[in-house]
Protein backbone atom coordinates (compact mmCIF):
# COMPACT_ATOMS: atom_id res chain seq x y z
CA MET A 1 0.00 0.00 0.00
CA LYS A 2 1.11 3.57 -0.63
CA SER A 3 1.70 5.81 2.38
CA SER A 4 -0.70 8.69 3.01
CA GLU A 5 2.19 11.06 2.26
CA GLN A 6 2.62 9.49 -1.21
CA GLU A 7 -1.10 9.72 -1.85
CA THR A 8 -1.05 13.38 -0.79
CA ASN A 9 1.83 14.06 -3.18
CA TYR A 10 -0.10 12.47 -6.04
CA ASP A 11 -3.18 14.42 -5.06
CA ARG A 12 -1.30 17.69 -5.31
CA GLU A 13 0.34 16.67 -8.60
CA ILE A 14 -2.95 15.61 -10.16
CA ARG A 15 -4.52 18.98 -9.35
CA THR A 16 -1.82 20.75 -11.35
CA LEU A 17 -2.53 18.79 -14.54
CA CYS A 18 -3.77 20.36 -17.77
CA ASP A 19 -7.52 20.92 -18.02
CA LEU A 20 -7.70 18.39 -20.89
CA ILE A 21 -6.68 15.64 -18.46
CA ASN A 22 -9.34 13.67 -16.57
CA ILE A 23 -8.36 15.15 -13.21
CA GLU A 24 -11.43 14.15 -11.17
CA GLU A 25 -11.14 10.49 -12.17
CA TYR A 26 -7.46 10.42 -11.27
CA LEU A 27 -8.25 11.96 -7.87
CA ASN A 28 -10.83 9.26 -7.31
CA LYS A 29 -8.45 6.51 -8.44
CA PRO A 30 -4.86 7.45 -7.60
CA SER A 31 -3.76 3.87 -8.30
CA ILE A 32 -4.69 4.40 -11.97
CA TYR A 33 -2.77 7.65 -11.94
CA GLU A 34 0.28 5.89 -10.58
CA LYS A 35 0.05 3.34 -13.39
CA HIS A 36 -0.37 6.06 -16.04
CA ARG A 37 2.01 8.60 -14.52
CA GLU A 38 5.24 7.89 -16.43
CA LEU A 39 3.60 8.37 -19.84
CA LEU A 40 0.98 10.86 -18.71
CA LEU A 41 3.40 13.51 -17.47
CA PRO A 42 5.13 14.06 -20.86
CA LEU A 43 1.68 14.20 -22.45
CA ASN A 44 0.58 16.74 -19.86
CA THR A 45 3.68 18.88 -20.49
CA PHE A 46 2.97 18.82 -24.22
CA LEU A 47 -0.67 19.83 -23.69
CA ILE A 48 0.36 22.77 -21.50
CA LYS A 49 3.26 24.07 -23.59
CA ASN A 50 2.36 23.03 -27.13
CA ARG A 51 -1.41 22.78 -27.32
CA LYS A 52 -1.49 24.96 -30.43
CA ASP A 53 0.39 22.21 -32.27
CA LEU A 54 -2.82 20.18 -32.09
CA ASP A 55 -4.53 22.64 -34.44
CA ILE A 56 -2.74 21.07 -37.39
CA PRO A 57 -3.45 17.36 -38.02
CA ILE A 58 -0.40 15.14 -38.43
CA SER A 59 0.10 11.37 -38.64
CA LYS A 60 -0.16 9.11 -35.58
CA ASN A 61 3.57 8.31 -35.56
CA GLU A 62 4.47 11.97 -36.02
CA ARG A 63 2.25 12.97 -33.08
CA ALA A 64 3.68 10.21 -30.89
CA TYR A 65 7.23 11.39 -31.56
CA GLN A 66 6.22 14.99 -30.95
CA ILE A 67 4.91 14.11 -27.48
CA TRP A 68 7.11 11.23 -26.25
CA ASN A 69 10.14 11.23 -28.60
CA ASP A 70 8.98 7.75 -29.58
CA GLU A 71 7.15 7.40 -32.89
CA LYS A 72 5.56 4.07 -31.91
CA MET A 73 4.23 5.13 -28.51
CA LEU A 74 0.59 5.51 -29.62
CA ASP A 75 0.66 1.80 -30.53
CA ASP A 76 1.63 0.90 -26.96
CA SER A 77 -1.22 -0.70 -24.98
CA LEU A 78 -0.65 1.45 -21.88
CA CYS A 79 -0.50 4.62 -23.96
CA LYS A 80 -3.73 3.64 -25.71
CA SER A 81 -5.43 3.20 -22.33
CA ILE A 82 -4.19 6.64 -21.21
CA VAL A 83 -5.56 8.30 -24.34
CA LYS A 84 -8.88 6.52 -23.92
CA TRP A 85 -9.12 7.22 -20.16
CA ASN A 86 -8.67 10.92 -20.82
CA ARG A 87 -10.91 10.93 -23.91
CA LEU A 88 -8.17 12.44 -26.04
CA GLU A 89 -8.61 10.32 -29.20
CA GLU A 90 -9.95 13.22 -31.26
CA LYS A 91 -8.19 16.04 -29.37
CA LEU A 92 -4.73 14.71 -30.28
CA ASN A 93 -5.78 15.39 -33.89
CA TYR A 94 -3.76 12.70 -35.66
CA TYR A 95 -4.64 10.58 -38.67
CA LEU A 96 -3.78 7.05 -39.71
CA THR A 97 -1.66 6.87 -42.83
CA PRO A 98 -2.95 4.56 -45.57
CA GLU A 99 -1.08 1.36 -46.37
CA PRO A 100 1.36 2.16 -49.19
CA PHE A 101 1.28 0.04 -52.33
CA PHE A 102 3.57 -0.32 -55.29
CA ASP A 103 1.64 1.46 -57.99
CA TYR A 104 2.23 3.00 -61.37
CA ILE A 105 -0.05 5.80 -62.52
CA HIS A 106 0.07 6.43 -66.25
CA CYS A 107 -2.64 9.03 -66.51
CA LYS A 108 -4.46 11.06 -63.84
CA LYS A 109 -8.01 12.07 -64.58
CA GLU A 110 -11.24 12.80 -62.73
CA LYS A 111 -12.20 9.12 -62.65
CA MET A 112 -9.53 6.46 -63.07
CA ASN A 113 -9.42 2.78 -63.97
CA ILE A 114 -6.88 1.09 -61.69
CA LEU A 115 -5.87 -2.50 -62.44
CA ILE A 116 -4.91 -4.57 -59.37
CA VAL A 117 -2.55 -7.45 -60.12
CA GLU A 118 -1.66 -10.24 -57.72
CA ASN A 119 1.93 -10.90 -58.77
CA LYS A 120 5.06 -8.77 -58.93
CA ASP A 121 6.24 -10.01 -62.36
CA THR A 122 2.95 -9.05 -63.98
CA TRP A 123 3.00 -5.63 -62.30
CA TYR A 124 6.54 -5.00 -63.50
CA SER A 125 5.81 -6.12 -67.07
CA LEU A 126 2.66 -4.03 -67.32
CA ARG A 127 4.36 -1.01 -65.82
CA LYS A 128 7.18 -1.28 -68.36
CA ILE A 129 4.81 -1.66 -71.30
CA ILE A 130 2.42 1.12 -70.29
CA ASN A 131 5.29 3.46 -69.47
CA SER A 132 6.51 3.09 -73.06
CA LEU A 133 3.21 4.46 -74.40
CA LYS A 134 2.73 8.15 -75.01
CA ASN A 135 -1.07 8.01 -74.90
CA GLU A 136 -3.74 6.15 -72.95
CA CYS A 137 -3.43 2.36 -72.69
CA TYR A 138 -6.18 -0.13 -73.47
CA LEU A 139 -6.03 -3.72 -72.22
CA CYS A 140 -8.77 -5.98 -73.57
CA ASP A 141 -10.49 -2.81 -74.82
CA ILE A 142 -10.60 -1.34 -71.31
CA GLU A 143 -8.66 1.82 -70.59
CA ILE A 144 -6.06 1.34 -67.86
CA ASP A 145 -4.88 4.49 -66.08
CA GLY A 146 -2.75 2.78 -63.44
CA VAL A 147 -1.51 -0.57 -62.17
CA LEU A 148 -1.36 -1.52 -58.50
CA TYR A 149 0.55 -4.51 -57.07
CA GLY A 150 -1.57 -6.16 -54.37
CA GLU A 151 1.39 -7.62 -52.43
CA GLY A 152 -0.29 -10.80 -51.24
CA ASN A 153 -2.69 -10.37 -48.35
CA LYS A 154 -1.82 -6.70 -47.99
CA ILE A 155 -4.51 -5.83 -50.54
CA THR A 156 -7.13 -7.67 -48.44
CA LYS A 157 -6.75 -5.51 -45.33
CA GLU A 158 -9.87 -3.68 -44.22
CA LYS A 159 -10.53 -0.53 -46.29
CA ALA A 160 -7.08 -0.77 -47.94
CA LEU A 161 -8.46 0.23 -51.35
CA GLU A 162 -10.82 2.85 -49.96
CA GLU A 163 -7.89 4.54 -48.20
CA TYR A 164 -5.75 4.26 -51.33
CA GLU A 165 -8.50 5.90 -53.39
CA ASN A 166 -9.33 8.67 -50.91
CA GLU A 167 -5.96 9.45 -49.36
CA VAL A 168 -3.36 8.54 -51.99
CA ILE A 169 -4.90 8.88 -55.46
CA GLN A 170 -7.53 11.40 -54.32
CA ARG A 171 -9.59 10.59 -57.40
CA LYS A 172 -12.68 8.48 -57.92
CA CYS A 173 -11.47 5.02 -58.96
CA SER A 174 -12.92 1.99 -60.67
CA PHE A 175 -10.79 -1.00 -59.63
CA LEU A 176 -10.30 -4.07 -61.84
CA TYR A 177 -8.97 -7.20 -60.14
CA TRP A 178 -6.73 -9.77 -61.83
CA GLY A 179 -4.94 -12.60 -60.04
CA ASP A 180 -4.10 -16.27 -60.16
CA LEU A 181 -6.86 -18.65 -61.14
CA ASP A 182 -6.84 -20.97 -58.14
CA TYR A 183 -8.63 -21.21 -54.79
CA THR A 184 -6.30 -18.73 -53.11
CA GLY A 185 -6.64 -16.19 -55.92
CA ILE A 186 -10.42 -16.50 -55.91
CA GLU A 187 -10.61 -16.15 -52.13
CA MET A 188 -8.32 -13.13 -52.26
CA TYR A 189 -10.62 -11.36 -54.73
CA GLU A 190 -13.67 -12.04 -52.56
CA ARG A 191 -11.86 -10.73 -49.47
CA VAL A 192 -10.84 -7.55 -51.30
CA VAL A 193 -14.47 -6.91 -52.24
CA ASN A 194 -15.78 -7.70 -48.76
CA GLN A 195 -13.21 -5.49 -47.05
CA ASN A 196 -13.91 -2.47 -49.26
CA LYS A 197 -17.68 -2.07 -49.32
CA ASN A 198 -17.49 1.54 -50.52
CA ALA A 199 -15.05 0.93 -53.37
CA GLU A 200 -16.04 0.15 -56.96
CA ILE A 201 -14.37 -3.22 -57.64
CA SER A 202 -14.99 -5.69 -60.45
CA LEU A 203 -13.30 -8.77 -61.80
CA PHE A 204 -11.27 -8.34 -64.99
CA THR A 205 -13.09 -11.22 -66.64
CA LYS A 206 -11.74 -10.61 -70.14
CA ILE A 207 -8.14 -11.25 -69.07
CA TYR A 208 -9.18 -14.37 -67.14
CA GLU A 209 -10.85 -15.66 -70.30
CA ILE A 210 -7.57 -15.19 -72.18
CA MET A 211 -5.82 -17.15 -69.41
CA ILE A 212 -8.33 -19.99 -69.69
CA ASP A 213 -8.10 -20.09 -73.49
CA ALA A 214 -4.31 -20.01 -73.48
CA LYS A 215 -3.78 -23.68 -72.61
CA ASP A 216 -5.51 -27.06 -72.75
CA LEU A 217 -7.14 -27.45 -69.34
CA ASP A 218 -6.02 -31.10 -69.18
CA LEU A 219 -2.37 -30.03 -69.46
CA LEU A 220 -2.40 -27.57 -66.58
CA GLY A 221 -0.14 -28.00 -63.58
CA LYS A 222 -1.55 -29.18 -60.25
CA ILE A 223 -1.90 -26.99 -57.20
CA LYS A 224 1.26 -27.79 -55.24
CA HIS A 225 0.53 -26.24 -51.87
CA ASN A 226 -2.47 -26.88 -49.67
CA GLN A 227 -5.19 -24.36 -50.44
CA ASN A 228 -8.53 -23.84 -48.79
CA ASN A 229 -11.00 -25.31 -51.28
CA ASN A 230 -13.89 -24.88 -48.86
CA ILE A 231 -14.66 -21.36 -50.03
CA SER A 232 -17.54 -19.65 -51.73
CA LEU A 233 -16.97 -19.42 -55.48
CA GLU A 234 -20.22 -17.60 -56.19
CA LEU A 235 -19.00 -14.00 -56.43
CA PHE A 236 -16.11 -15.01 -58.69
CA ILE A 237 -17.87 -17.61 -60.86
CA ASP A 238 -20.97 -15.48 -61.45
CA SER A 239 -18.82 -12.85 -63.19
CA PHE A 240 -18.43 -15.20 -66.20
CA ASP A 241 -20.80 -16.55 -68.79
CA LYS A 242 -21.85 -20.20 -68.58
CA LYS A 243 -19.09 -21.47 -70.91
CA TYR A 244 -16.30 -20.13 -68.72
CA GLN A 245 -18.09 -21.00 -65.50
CA GLU A 246 -18.03 -24.66 -66.52
CA ARG A 247 -14.38 -24.52 -67.54
CA ILE A 248 -13.34 -22.92 -64.25
CA LYS A 249 -15.24 -25.56 -62.25
CA TYR A 250 -13.72 -28.34 -64.37
CA MET A 251 -10.21 -27.01 -63.78
CA LEU A 252 -10.65 -26.61 -60.02
CA ASN A 253 -12.24 -30.04 -59.66
CA LYS A 254 -9.06 -31.50 -61.20
CA ASN A 255 -7.00 -29.55 -58.64
CA SER A 256 -5.43 -27.59 -61.49
CA TYR A 257 -4.58 -23.91 -61.59
CA ILE A 258 -3.54 -21.14 -63.97
CA PRO A 259 -1.00 -18.61 -62.67
CA GLN A 260 -1.24 -14.98 -63.69
CA GLU A 261 2.18 -15.36 -65.31
CA ILE A 262 0.67 -17.38 -68.16
CA ILE A 263 0.01 -13.95 -69.68
CA ASN A 264 3.68 -13.12 -69.99
CA ALA A 265 5.33 -9.86 -71.07
CA ALA A 266 5.30 -10.83 -74.75
CA ILE A 267 1.56 -11.57 -74.69
CA LEU A 268 0.87 -8.41 -72.71
CA LYS A 269 2.75 -6.34 -75.23
CA ASN A 270 0.52 -7.71 -78.00
CA ILE A 271 -2.77 -7.14 -76.21
CA CYS A 272 -1.95 -3.69 -74.76
CA LYS A 273 -3.09 -1.08 -77.27
CA GLU A 274 -2.28 2.60 -77.33
CA LYS A 275 -5.10 5.04 -77.91
CA GLU A 276 -4.99 6.34 -81.46
CA ILE A 277 -4.85 10.12 -81.80
CA LEU A 278 -6.72 11.26 -84.89
């Protein structure tokens, strides 16, 4: 137990805190104050001396460094509890930075078509081809203004595309998704859609059809690693007409797959068309 003298010292200290701090609650629960004290005092000093700095929003890591000289402090569980206890979430006026992606933007316009690709080789090849064009690029008769590399599960994080659209591109986007044709690729597309309810996302069916037509389905390689085949195929399958629906089901039932890399750089170069200027 703390001595009465220690409690009195805390009582006096608490009463000198900034008016943004939850003083009454700390007076009622000095044990909580003692737990919070080490991180709370630098925060209190900042609020007294530098409150005007809160008028300008900055990133979470920037604000954490500004207050504690530690850019990761606002991720600390104790620090989070201090911020919540004192109801400072909004008053600290920081924002979360969107997850960065490898992207290539060929043409910025009011509304943009952004192609999401699952694999790095395809992203690199497309970037190289599109970068060589002077005018707008068309892939399968669809204009492509930019290419974004999904980086595995990174693209499936909650609101990843919405943040990319609103915070990074700052344009209205129509996203086209293109990945491997296997259970993992299908599941990834469905997760991207489900995690970005406010984004306009569709499957790039025309390029998948080229993938399916590129090779005899009976000569495809087998899925080598264990994949979750107990997934809903409905959202993905329903994007195709009946002919391709049957071929996709046939392929998956044989435990076969088609990697995105079947459409290699040479094929991409042939099917990417530059807009003709009359």
